[in-house]
Amino acid sequence: MYDRVKNARRRIVGVRQVLRAIEQGEPIAVVIAQDAAADITAPVAERARTRGIPVYTVDSMQRLGRAAGIDVAASVVAVPVVDVERSEG
């Protein structure tokens, strides 16, 4: 999943930005780091699932941040769903 995030054409990083993208109905897939605080990530996962948005998990915030192209850890990243589907198929 890290490679899918790294190779995505667009990356949305951070809880607020991902929640905004979910609310706007953007065709995204959400990636959540398992080592992030559950009280931060749970609302994102819940809202994504209620809207039918795929949610994936990875083990490390540090690696997710690097894959997203930032120098700090990231708890939540969203990428266009077509980038995830293309790399799965």
PDB file of N, CA and C in Angstrom:
ATOM      1  N   MET A   1       0.818  -1.196   0.000  1.00  0.00           N
ATOM      2  CA  MET A   1       0.000   0.000   0.000  1.00  0.00           C
ATOM      3  C   MET A   1       0.863   1.263   0.000  1.00  0.00           C
ATOM      4  N   TYR A   2       2.052   1.185   0.608  1.00  0.00           N
ATOM      5  CA  TYR A   2       2.936   2.360   0.595  1.00  0.00           C
ATOM      6  C   TYR A   2       3.285   2.764  -0.838  1.00  0.00           C
ATOM      7  N   ASP A   3       3.553   1.787  -1.695  1.00  0.00           N
ATOM      8  CA  ASP A   3       3.877   2.094  -3.091  1.00  0.00           C
ATOM      9  C   ASP A   3       2.700   2.742  -3.805  1.00  0.00           C
ATOM     10  N   ARG A   4       1.495   2.296  -3.482  1.00  0.00           N
ATOM     11  CA  ARG A   4       0.302   2.899  -4.103  1.00  0.00           C
ATOM     12  C   ARG A   4       0.162   4.360  -3.708  1.00  0.00           C
ATOM     13  N   VAL A   5       0.451   4.652  -2.442  1.00  0.00           N
ATOM     14  CA  VAL A   5       0.400   6.042  -1.984  1.00  0.00           C
ATOM     15  C   VAL A   5       1.500   6.836  -2.672  1.00  0.00           C
ATOM     16  N   LYS A   6       2.705   6.290  -2.694  1.00  0.00           N
ATOM     17  CA  LYS A   6       3.840   6.992  -3.291  1.00  0.00           C
ATOM     18  C   LYS A   6       3.622   7.279  -4.772  1.00  0.00           C
ATOM     19  N   ASN A   7       3.013   6.339  -5.489  1.00  0.00           N
ATOM     20  CA  ASN A   7       2.826   6.480  -6.936  1.00  0.00           C
ATOM     21  C   ASN A   7       1.519   7.148  -7.331  1.00  0.00           C
ATOM     22  N   ALA A   8       0.695   7.508  -6.372  1.00  0.00           N
ATOM     23  CA  ALA A   8      -0.590   8.148  -6.681  1.00  0.00           C
ATOM     24  C   ALA A   8      -0.364   9.509  -7.326  1.00  0.00           C
ATOM     25  N   ARG A   9      -1.252   9.862  -8.228  1.00  0.00           N
ATOM     26  CA  ARG A   9      -1.151  11.160  -8.898  1.00  0.00           C
ATOM     27  C   ARG A   9      -1.426  12.310  -7.940  1.00  0.00           C
ATOM     28  N   ARG A  10      -2.248  12.059  -6.935  1.00  0.00           N
ATOM     29  CA  ARG A  10      -2.603  13.098  -5.962  1.00  0.00           C
ATOM     30  C   ARG A  10      -2.682  12.439  -4.598  1.00  0.00           C
ATOM     31  N   ARG A  11      -2.229  13.137  -3.581  1.00  0.00           N
ATOM     32  CA  ARG A  11      -2.300  12.633  -2.212  1.00  0.00           C
ATOM     33  C   ARG A  11      -2.910  13.713  -1.322  1.00  0.00           C
ATOM     34  N   ILE A  12      -3.863  13.313  -0.509  1.00  0.00           N
ATOM     35  CA  ILE A  12      -4.485  14.212   0.455  1.00  0.00           C
ATOM     36  C   ILE A  12      -3.991  13.746   1.819  1.00  0.00           C
ATOM     37  N   VAL A  13      -3.312  14.623   2.546  1.00  0.00           N
ATOM     38  CA  VAL A  13      -2.657  14.226   3.791  1.00  0.00           C
ATOM     39  C   VAL A  13      -3.285  14.954   4.974  1.00  0.00           C
ATOM     40  N   GLY A  14      -3.580  14.199   6.022  1.00  0.00           N
ATOM     41  CA  GLY A  14      -4.076  14.786   7.254  1.00  0.00           C
ATOM     42  C   GLY A  14      -5.556  14.561   7.466  1.00  0.00           C
ATOM     43  N   VAL A  15      -5.935  14.488   8.727  1.00  0.00           N
ATOM     44  CA  VAL A  15      -7.311  14.174   9.092  1.00  0.00           C
ATOM     45  C   VAL A  15      -8.292  15.197   8.532  1.00  0.00           C
ATOM     46  N   ARG A  16      -8.040  16.473   8.764  1.00  0.00           N
ATOM     47  CA  ARG A  16      -8.987  17.503   8.309  1.00  0.00           C
ATOM     48  C   ARG A  16      -9.164  17.498   6.801  1.00  0.00           C
ATOM     49  N   GLN A  17      -8.059  17.387   6.079  1.00  0.00           N
ATOM     50  CA  GLN A  17      -8.146  17.407   4.628  1.00  0.00           C
ATOM     51  C   GLN A  17      -8.851  16.171   4.088  1.00  0.00           C
ATOM     52  N   VAL A  18      -8.571  15.011   4.696  1.00  0.00           N
ATOM     53  CA  VAL A  18      -9.228  13.781   4.246  1.00  0.00           C
ATOM     54  C   VAL A  18     -10.722  13.836   4.559  1.00  0.00           C
ATOM     55  N   LEU A  19     -11.089  14.305   5.740  1.00  0.00           N
ATOM     56  CA  LEU A  19     -12.514  14.444   6.071  1.00  0.00           C
ATOM     57  C   LEU A  19     -13.210  15.385   5.099  1.00  0.00           C
ATOM     58  N   ARG A  20     -12.554  16.462   4.737  1.00  0.00           N
ATOM     59  CA  ARG A  20     -13.123  17.406   3.773  1.00  0.00           C
ATOM     60  C   ARG A  20     -13.344  16.720   2.424  1.00  0.00           C
ATOM     61  N   ALA A  21     -12.364  15.937   1.978  1.00  0.00           N
ATOM     62  CA  ALA A  21     -12.495  15.229   0.700  1.00  0.00           C
ATOM     63  C   ALA A  21     -13.640  14.219   0.745  1.00  0.00           C
ATOM     64  N   ILE A  22     -13.800  13.537   1.888  1.00  0.00           N
ATOM     65  CA  ILE A  22     -14.906  12.588   2.046  1.00  0.00           C
ATOM     66  C   ILE A  22     -16.240  13.327   1.941  1.00  0.00           C
ATOM     67  N   GLU A  23     -16.361  14.437   2.645  1.00  0.00           N
ATOM     68  CA  GLU A  23     -17.610  15.205   2.650  1.00  0.00           C
ATOM     69  C   GLU A  23     -17.935  15.762   1.264  1.00  0.00           C
ATOM     70  N   GLN A  24     -16.902  16.086   0.492  1.00  0.00           N
ATOM     71  CA  GLN A  24     -17.116  16.627  -0.844  1.00  0.00           C
ATOM     72  C   GLN A  24     -17.399  15.539  -1.870  1.00  0.00           C
ATOM     73  N   GLY A  25     -17.343  14.280  -1.431  1.00  0.00           N
ATOM     74  CA  GLY A  25     -17.672  13.177  -2.329  1.00  0.00           C
ATOM     75  C   GLY A  25     -16.595  12.845  -3.340  1.00  0.00           C
ATOM     76  N   GLU A  26     -15.369  13.190  -3.037  1.00  0.00           N
ATOM     77  CA  GLU A  26     -14.280  12.883  -3.967  1.00  0.00           C
ATOM     78  C   GLU A  26     -14.084  11.364  -4.069  1.00  0.00           C
ATOM     79  N   PRO A  27     -13.757  10.865  -5.249  1.00  0.00           N
ATOM     80  CA  PRO A  27     -13.535   9.417  -5.423  1.00  0.00           C
ATOM     81  C   PRO A  27     -12.156   9.014  -4.904  1.00  0.00           C
ATOM     82  N   ILE A  28     -12.094   8.748  -3.608  1.00  0.00           N
ATOM     83  CA  ILE A  28     -10.820   8.479  -2.947  1.00  0.00           C
ATOM     84  C   ILE A  28     -10.843   7.132  -2.245  1.00  0.00           C
ATOM     85  N   ALA A  29      -9.661   6.675  -1.891  1.00  0.00           N
ATOM     86  CA  ALA A  29      -9.461   5.560  -0.972  1.00  0.00           C
ATOM     87  C   ALA A  29      -8.655   6.113   0.195  1.00  0.00           C
ATOM     88  N   VAL A  30      -8.972   5.666   1.394  1.00  0.00           N
ATOM     89  CA  VAL A  30      -8.338   6.181   2.600  1.00  0.00           C
ATOM     90  C   VAL A  30      -7.339   5.158   3.135  1.00  0.00           C
ATOM     91  N   VAL A  31      -6.165   5.644   3.541  1.00  0.00           N
ATOM     92  CA  VAL A  31      -5.130   4.793   4.133  1.00  0.00           C
ATOM     93  C   VAL A  31      -4.860   5.322   5.530  1.00  0.00           C
ATOM     94  N   ILE A  32      -4.976   4.424   6.519  1.00  0.00           N
ATOM     95  CA  ILE A  32      -4.823   4.807   7.922  1.00  0.00           C
ATOM     96  C   ILE A  32      -3.669   4.015   8.540  1.00  0.00           C
ATOM     97  N   ALA A  33      -2.810   4.713   9.270  1.00  0.00           N
ATOM     98  CA  ALA A  33      -1.696   4.056   9.966  1.00  0.00           C
ATOM     99  C   ALA A  33      -2.198   3.435  11.266  1.00  0.00           C
ATOM    100  N   GLN A  34      -1.867   2.179  11.485  1.00  0.00           N
ATOM    101  CA  GLN A  34      -2.314   1.468  12.682  1.00  0.00           C
ATOM    102  C   GLN A  34      -1.702   2.018  13.963  1.00  0.00           C
ATOM    103  N   ASP A  35      -0.521   2.620  13.868  1.00  0.00           N
ATOM    104  CA  ASP A  35       0.113   3.137  15.076  1.00  0.00           C
ATOM    105  C   ASP A  35      -0.315   4.573  15.415  1.00  0.00           C
ATOM    106  N   ALA A  36      -1.293   5.089  14.676  1.00  0.00           N
ATOM    107  CA  ALA A  36      -1.845   6.413  14.982  1.00  0.00           C
ATOM    108  C   ALA A  36      -2.889   6.271  16.090  1.00  0.00           C
ATOM    109  N   ALA A  37      -3.144   7.348  16.786  1.00  0.00           N
ATOM    110  CA  ALA A  37      -4.129   7.335  17.874  1.00  0.00           C
ATOM    111  C   ALA A  37      -5.524   7.045  17.330  1.00  0.00           C
ATOM    112  N   ALA A  38      -6.174   6.052  17.906  1.00  0.00           N
ATOM    113  CA  ALA A  38      -7.491   5.625  17.440  1.00  0.00           C
ATOM    114  C   ALA A  38      -8.535   6.729  17.554  1.00  0.00           C
ATOM    115  N   ASP A  39      -8.419   7.582  18.567  1.00  0.00           N
ATOM    116  CA  ASP A  39      -9.401   8.652  18.701  1.00  0.00           C
ATOM    117  C   ASP A  39      -9.293   9.676  17.574  1.00  0.00           C
ATOM    118  N   ILE A  40      -8.165   9.688  16.893  1.00  0.00           N
ATOM    119  CA  ILE A  40      -7.979  10.577  15.746  1.00  0.00           C
ATOM    120  C   ILE A  40      -8.434   9.904  14.460  1.00  0.00           C
ATOM    121  N   THR A  41      -8.089   8.646  14.290  1.00  0.00           N
ATOM    122  CA  THR A  41      -8.362   7.964  13.023  1.00  0.00           C
ATOM    123  C   THR A  41      -9.750   7.333  12.935  1.00  0.00           C
ATOM    124  N   ALA A  42     -10.340   6.960  14.058  1.00  0.00           N
ATOM    125  CA  ALA A  42     -11.637   6.286  14.038  1.00  0.00           C
ATOM    126  C   ALA A  42     -12.733   7.098  13.347  1.00  0.00           C
ATOM    127  N   PRO A  43     -12.851   8.397  13.608  1.00  0.00           N
ATOM    128  CA  PRO A  43     -13.897   9.158  12.909  1.00  0.00           C
ATOM    129  C   PRO A  43     -13.706   9.171  11.391  1.00  0.00           C
ATOM    130  N   VAL A  44     -12.457   9.180  10.946  1.00  0.00           N
ATOM    131  CA  VAL A  44     -12.184   9.163   9.509  1.00  0.00           C
ATOM    132  C   VAL A  44     -12.628   7.823   8.916  1.00  0.00           C
ATOM    133  N   ALA A  45     -12.233   6.738   9.564  1.00  0.00           N
ATOM    134  CA  ALA A  45     -12.600   5.409   9.075  1.00  0.00           C
ATOM    135  C   ALA A  45     -14.112   5.231   9.062  1.00  0.00           C
ATOM    136  N   GLU A  46     -14.776   5.665  10.124  1.00  0.00           N
ATOM    137  CA  GLU A  46     -16.227   5.526  10.217  1.00  0.00           C
ATOM    138  C   GLU A  46     -16.936   6.309   9.115  1.00  0.00           C
ATOM    139  N   ARG A  47     -16.544   7.551   8.937  1.00  0.00           N
ATOM    140  CA  ARG A  47     -17.186   8.376   7.914  1.00  0.00           C
ATOM    141  C   ARG A  47     -16.928   7.829   6.519  1.00  0.00           C
ATOM    142  N   ALA A  48     -15.703   7.354   6.282  1.00  0.00           N
ATOM    143  CA  ALA A  48     -15.392   6.777   4.969  1.00  0.00           C
ATOM    144  C   ALA A  48     -16.247   5.541   4.704  1.00  0.00           C
ATOM    145  N   ARG A  49     -16.328   4.660   5.681  1.00  0.00           N
ATOM    146  CA  ARG A  49     -17.096   3.418   5.496  1.00  0.00           C
ATOM    147  C   ARG A  49     -18.576   3.691   5.282  1.00  0.00           C
ATOM    148  N   THR A  50     -19.133   4.679   5.984  1.00  0.00           N
ATOM    149  CA  THR A  50     -20.561   4.982   5.800  1.00  0.00           C
ATOM    150  C   THR A  50     -20.835   5.546   4.412  1.00  0.00           C
ATOM    151  N   ARG A  51     -19.813   6.096   3.792  1.00  0.00           N
ATOM    152  CA  ARG A  51     -19.971   6.632   2.432  1.00  0.00           C
ATOM    153  C   ARG A  51     -19.508   5.654   1.358  1.00  0.00           C
ATOM    154  N   GLY A  52     -19.133   4.443   1.772  1.00  0.00           N
ATOM    155  CA  GLY A  52     -18.714   3.430   0.800  1.00  0.00           C
ATOM    156  C   GLY A  52     -17.315   3.633   0.258  1.00  0.00           C
ATOM    157  N   ILE A  53     -16.497   4.378   0.982  1.00  0.00           N
ATOM    158  CA  ILE A  53     -15.120   4.648   0.560  1.00  0.00           C
ATOM    159  C   ILE A  53     -14.217   3.552   1.109  1.00  0.00           C
ATOM    160  N   PRO A  54     -13.382   2.948   0.266  1.00  0.00           N
ATOM    161  CA  PRO A  54     -12.490   1.900   0.770  1.00  0.00           C
ATOM    162  C   PRO A  54     -11.480   2.441   1.778  1.00  0.00           C
ATOM    163  N   VAL A  55     -11.242   1.653   2.837  1.00  0.00           N
ATOM    164  CA  VAL A  55     -10.301   2.023   3.887  1.00  0.00           C
ATOM    165  C   VAL A  55      -9.253   0.924   3.995  1.00  0.00           C
ATOM    166  N   TYR A  56      -7.995   1.304   3.888  1.00  0.00           N
ATOM    167  CA  TYR A  56      -6.870   0.375   4.004  1.00  0.00           C
ATOM    168  C   TYR A  56      -6.047   0.771   5.219  1.00  0.00           C
ATOM    169  N   THR A  57      -5.327  -0.181   5.793  1.00  0.00           N
ATOM    170  CA  THR A  57      -4.457   0.135   6.915  1.00  0.00           C
ATOM    171  C   THR A  57      -3.014  -0.250   6.580  1.00  0.00           C
ATOM    172  N   VAL A  58      -2.112   0.509   7.165  1.00  0.00           N
ATOM    173  CA  VAL A  58      -0.675   0.228   7.072  1.00  0.00           C
ATOM    174  C   VAL A  58      -0.136   0.261   8.495  1.00  0.00           C
ATOM    175  N   ASP A  59       1.060  -0.237   8.700  1.00  0.00           N
ATOM    176  CA  ASP A  59       1.573  -0.359  10.058  1.00  0.00           C
ATOM    177  C   ASP A  59       2.243   0.882  10.620  1.00  0.00           C
ATOM    178  N   SER A  60       2.737   1.800   9.776  1.00  0.00           N
ATOM    179  CA  SER A  60       3.605   2.856  10.283  1.00  0.00           C
ATOM    180  C   SER A  60       3.236   4.257   9.792  1.00  0.00           C
ATOM    181  N   MET A  61       3.061   5.165  10.739  1.00  0.00           N
ATOM    182  CA  MET A  61       2.831   6.572  10.401  1.00  0.00           C
ATOM    183  C   MET A  61       4.053   7.166   9.699  1.00  0.00           C
ATOM    184  N   GLN A  62       5.256   6.795  10.161  1.00  0.00           N
ATOM    185  CA  GLN A  62       6.483   7.321   9.560  1.00  0.00           C
ATOM    186  C   GLN A  62       6.572   6.930   8.088  1.00  0.00           C
ATOM    187  N   ARG A  63       6.365   5.657   7.812  1.00  0.00           N
ATOM    188  CA  ARG A  63       6.444   5.181   6.425  1.00  0.00           C
ATOM    189  C   ARG A  63       5.327   5.769   5.567  1.00  0.00           C
ATOM    190  N   LEU A  64       4.140   5.932   6.148  1.00  0.00           N
ATOM    191  CA  LEU A  64       3.032   6.527   5.405  1.00  0.00           C
ATOM    192  C   LEU A  64       3.349   7.981   5.055  1.00  0.00           C
ATOM    193  N   GLY A  65       3.924   8.716   5.994  1.00  0.00           N
ATOM    194  CA  GLY A  65       4.323  10.092   5.713  1.00  0.00           C
ATOM    195  C   GLY A  65       5.357  10.168   4.602  1.00  0.00           C
ATOM    196  N   ARG A  66       6.364   9.291   4.666  1.00  0.00           N
ATOM    197  CA  ARG A  66       7.375   9.268   3.605  1.00  0.00           C
ATOM    198  C   ARG A  66       6.752   8.929   2.254  1.00  0.00           C
ATOM    199  N   ALA A  67       5.851   7.954   2.245  1.00  0.00           N
ATOM    200  CA  ALA A  67       5.191   7.567   0.992  1.00  0.00           C
ATOM    201  C   ALA A  67       4.354   8.713   0.433  1.00  0.00           C
ATOM    202  N   ALA A  68       3.804   9.529   1.338  1.00  0.00           N
ATOM    203  CA  ALA A  68       2.992  10.666   0.912  1.00  0.00           C
ATOM    204  C   ALA A  68       3.846  11.860   0.490  1.00  0.00           C
ATOM    205  N   GLY A  69       5.155  11.742   0.643  1.00  0.00           N
ATOM    206  CA  GLY A  69       6.048  12.797   0.198  1.00  0.00           C
ATOM    207  C   GLY A  69       6.249  13.913   1.200  1.00  0.00           C
ATOM    208  N   ILE A  70       5.996  13.625   2.489  1.00  0.00           N
ATOM    209  CA  ILE A  70       6.231  14.642   3.512  1.00  0.00           C
ATOM    210  C   ILE A  70       7.313  14.150   4.467  1.00  0.00           C
ATOM    211  N   ASP A  71       7.910  15.069   5.187  1.00  0.00           N
ATOM    212  CA  ASP A  71       9.033  14.742   6.071  1.00  0.00           C
ATOM    213  C   ASP A  71       8.619  14.393   7.493  1.00  0.00           C
ATOM    214  N   VAL A  72       7.332  14.311   7.740  1.00  0.00           N
ATOM    215  CA  VAL A  72       6.828  13.963   9.065  1.00  0.00           C
ATOM    216  C   VAL A  72       5.876  12.783   8.948  1.00  0.00           C
ATOM    217  N   ALA A  73       5.515  12.212  10.086  1.00  0.00           N
ATOM    218  CA  ALA A  73       4.589  11.084  10.097  1.00  0.00           C
ATOM    219  C   ALA A  73       3.194  11.540   9.668  1.00  0.00           C
ATOM    220  N   ALA A  74       2.435  10.612   9.091  1.00  0.00           N
ATOM    221  CA  ALA A  74       1.059  10.894   8.685  1.00  0.00           C
ATOM    222  C   ALA A  74       0.153   9.793   9.229  1.00  0.00           C
ATOM    223  N   SER A  75      -0.922  10.183   9.879  1.00  0.00           N
ATOM    224  CA  SER A  75      -1.859   9.183  10.398  1.00  0.00           C
ATOM    225  C   SER A  75      -2.871   8.763   9.350  1.00  0.00           C
ATOM    226  N   VAL A  76      -3.233   9.689   8.460  1.00  0.00           N
ATOM    227  CA  VAL A  76      -4.256   9.423   7.454  1.00  0.00           C
ATOM    228  C   VAL A  76      -3.839  10.063   6.133  1.00  0.00           C
ATOM    229  N   VAL A  77      -3.986   9.294   5.056  1.00  0.00           N
ATOM    230  CA  VAL A  77      -3.732   9.795   3.704  1.00  0.00           C
ATOM    231  C   VAL A  77      -4.848   9.266   2.814  1.00  0.00           C
ATOM    232  N   ALA A  78      -5.263  10.066   1.860  1.00  0.00           N
ATOM    233  CA  ALA A  78      -6.222   9.601   0.863  1.00  0.00           C
ATOM    234  C   ALA A  78      -5.607   9.751  -0.517  1.00  0.00           C
ATOM    235  N   VAL A  79      -5.930   8.818  -1.383  1.00  0.00           N
ATOM    236  CA  VAL A  79      -5.455   8.846  -2.764  1.00  0.00           C
ATOM    237  C   VAL A  79      -6.643   8.575  -3.680  1.00  0.00           C
ATOM    238  N   PRO A  80      -6.573   8.998  -4.944  1.00  0.00           N
ATOM    239  CA  PRO A  80      -7.665   8.695  -5.869  1.00  0.00           C
ATOM    240  C   PRO A  80      -7.895   7.187  -5.951  1.00  0.00           C
ATOM    241  N   VAL A  81      -9.139   6.795  -5.895  1.00  0.00           N
ATOM    242  CA  VAL A  81      -9.465   5.372  -5.900  1.00  0.00           C
ATOM    243  C   VAL A  81      -8.987   4.701  -7.189  1.00  0.00           C
ATOM    244  N   VAL A  82      -8.918   5.436  -8.287  1.00  0.00           N
ATOM    245  CA  VAL A  82      -8.451   4.832  -9.540  1.00  0.00           C
ATOM    246  C   VAL A  82      -6.990   4.408  -9.432  1.00  0.00           C
ATOM    247  N   ASP A  83      -6.187   5.130  -8.655  1.00  0.00           N
ATOM    248  CA  ASP A  83      -4.788   4.740  -8.482  1.00  0.00           C
ATOM    249  C   ASP A  83      -4.671   3.433  -7.703  1.00  0.00           C
ATOM    250  N   VAL A  84      -5.552   3.217  -6.743  1.00  0.00           N
ATOM    251  CA  VAL A  84      -5.537   1.980  -5.967  1.00  0.00           C
ATOM    252  C   VAL A  84      -6.048   0.835  -6.815  1.00  0.00           C
ATOM    253  N   GLU A  85      -7.140   1.053  -7.542  1.00  0.00           N
ATOM    254  CA  GLU A  85      -7.723   0.001  -8.382  1.00  0.00           C
ATOM    255  C   GLU A  85      -6.764  -0.407  -9.492  1.00  0.00           C
ATOM    256  N   ARG A  86      -6.089   0.570 -10.084  1.00  0.00           N
ATOM    257  CA  ARG A  86      -5.163   0.283 -11.180  1.00  0.00           C
ATOM    258  C   ARG A  86      -4.019  -0.594 -10.696  1.00  0.00           C
ATOM    259  N   SER A  87      -3.521  -0.346  -9.506  1.00  0.00           N
ATOM    260  CA  SER A  87      -2.390  -1.116  -9.007  1.00  0.00           C
ATOM    261  C   SER A  87      -2.829  -2.476  -8.469  1.00  0.00           C
ATOM    262  N   GLU A  88      -4.124  -2.646  -8.181  1.00  0.00           N
ATOM    263  CA  GLU A  88      -4.617  -3.947  -7.731  1.00  0.00           C
ATOM    264  C   GLU A  88      -4.881  -4.870  -8.904  1.00  0.00           C
ATOM    265  N   GLY A  89      -5.297  -4.285 -10.033  1.00  0.00           N
ATOM    266  CA  GLY A  89      -5.741  -5.076 -11.167  1.00  0.00           C
ATOM    267  C   GLY A  89      -4.623  -5.494 -12.018  1.00  0.00           C
TER     268      GLY A  89
END
